[in-house]
Amino acid sequence: MTDDNAQPTDGLWSRLRLIEGQPLAARAGAYSAVHDELFRRLESGAKLDSHEKSASGDR
């Protein structure tokens, strides 16, 4: 069973909340930057920390 209220340790949720408070034009650029960063992390094969592993449902 996963904890749906678990927050990533890298501050993603707080970053997204900060972006949501910005004007629309600024949000687009900020979301694009987050997307690019997450894409680079996935492409590099970055390892999940132990909190993210348990939240992802290792079975």
C-alpha atoms as a PDB file:
ATOM      1  CA  MET A   1       0.000   0.000   0.000  1.00  0.00           C
ATOM      2  CA  THR A   2       1.392   3.431  -0.903  1.00  0.00           C
ATOM      3  CA  ASP A   3       1.122   6.699   0.963  1.00  0.00           C
ATOM      4  CA  ASP A   4      -0.594   9.027  -1.528  1.00  0.00           C
ATOM      5  CA  ASN A   5       0.212  12.013   0.709  1.00  0.00           C
ATOM      6  CA  ALA A   6       3.975  11.390   0.653  1.00  0.00           C
ATOM      7  CA  GLN A   7       5.902  14.335  -0.709  1.00  0.00           C
ATOM      8  CA  PRO A   8       9.073  13.959  -2.771  1.00  0.00           C
ATOM      9  CA  THR A   9      12.193  14.863  -0.832  1.00  0.00           C
ATOM     10  CA  ASP A  10      13.540  17.020  -3.665  1.00  0.00           C
ATOM     11  CA  GLY A  11      10.966  19.765  -3.066  1.00  0.00           C
ATOM     12  CA  LEU A  12       8.938  19.114  -6.216  1.00  0.00           C
ATOM     13  CA  TRP A  13       5.580  19.828  -4.569  1.00  0.00           C
ATOM     14  CA  SER A  14       6.718  23.124  -3.083  1.00  0.00           C
ATOM     15  CA  ARG A  15       8.219  24.077  -6.426  1.00  0.00           C
ATOM     16  CA  LEU A  16       4.964  23.314  -8.231  1.00  0.00           C
ATOM     17  CA  ARG A  17       2.958  25.333  -5.684  1.00  0.00           C
ATOM     18  CA  LEU A  18       5.321  28.254  -6.217  1.00  0.00           C
ATOM     19  CA  ILE A  19       4.864  27.998  -9.995  1.00  0.00           C
ATOM     20  CA  GLU A  20       1.062  27.927  -9.631  1.00  0.00           C
ATOM     21  CA  GLY A  21       1.203  31.299  -7.887  1.00  0.00           C
ATOM     22  CA  GLN A  22       2.909  32.965 -10.849  1.00  0.00           C
ATOM     23  CA  PRO A  23       1.232  34.773 -13.772  1.00  0.00           C
ATOM     24  CA  LEU A  24       0.283  32.492 -16.661  1.00  0.00           C
ATOM     25  CA  ALA A  25       3.144  33.558 -18.961  1.00  0.00           C
ATOM     26  CA  ALA A  26       5.712  32.874 -16.240  1.00  0.00           C
ATOM     27  CA  ARG A  27       4.094  29.524 -15.382  1.00  0.00           C
ATOM     28  CA  ALA A  28       4.611  28.226 -18.889  1.00  0.00           C
ATOM     29  CA  GLY A  29       8.350  28.848 -18.736  1.00  0.00           C
ATOM     30  CA  ALA A  30       8.645  27.481 -15.208  1.00  0.00           C
ATOM     31  CA  TYR A  31       6.765  24.283 -16.057  1.00  0.00           C
ATOM     32  CA  SER A  32       8.940  23.871 -19.128  1.00  0.00           C
ATOM     33  CA  ALA A  33      12.051  24.135 -16.940  1.00  0.00           C
ATOM     34  CA  VAL A  34      10.674  21.524 -14.512  1.00  0.00           C
ATOM     35  CA  HIS A  35       9.834  19.236 -17.426  1.00  0.00           C
ATOM     36  CA  ASP A  36      13.330  19.586 -18.891  1.00  0.00           C
ATOM     37  CA  GLU A  37      14.957  18.877 -15.519  1.00  0.00           C
ATOM     38  CA  LEU A  38      12.833  15.792 -14.886  1.00  0.00           C
ATOM     39  CA  PHE A  39      13.460  14.552 -18.431  1.00  0.00           C
ATOM     40  CA  ARG A  40      17.241  14.906 -17.964  1.00  0.00           C
ATOM     41  CA  ARG A  41      17.039  13.029 -14.659  1.00  0.00           C
ATOM     42  CA  LEU A  42      15.081  10.183 -16.243  1.00  0.00           C
ATOM     43  CA  GLU A  43      17.384  10.001 -19.241  1.00  0.00           C
ATOM     44  CA  SER A  44      20.472   9.920 -17.026  1.00  0.00           C
ATOM     45  CA  GLY A  45      19.082   6.933 -15.156  1.00  0.00           C
ATOM     46  CA  ALA A  46      19.147   8.806 -11.855  1.00  0.00           C
ATOM     47  CA  LYS A  47      18.451   6.503  -8.960  1.00  0.00           C
ATOM     48  CA  LEU A  48      15.389   7.031  -6.779  1.00  0.00           C
ATOM     49  CA  ASP A  49      16.070   7.738  -3.137  1.00  0.00           C
ATOM     50  CA  SER A  50      14.701   5.245  -0.594  1.00  0.00           C
ATOM     51  CA  HIS A  51      11.583   7.375   0.110  1.00  0.00           C
ATOM     52  CA  GLU A  52      10.657   7.491  -3.578  1.00  0.00           C
ATOM     53  CA  LYS A  53      11.295   3.748  -3.957  1.00  0.00           C
ATOM     54  CA  SER A  54       8.901   2.866  -1.140  1.00  0.00           C
ATOM     55  CA  ALA A  55       6.267   5.289  -2.473  1.00  0.00           C
ATOM     56  CA  SER A  56       6.521   3.764  -5.944  1.00  0.00           C
ATOM     57  CA  GLY A  57       5.222   0.445  -4.631  1.00  0.00           C
ATOM     58  CA  ASP A  58       8.223  -1.877  -4.622  1.00  0.00           C
ATOM     59  CA  ARG A  59       6.673  -5.281  -4.299  1.00  0.00           C
END
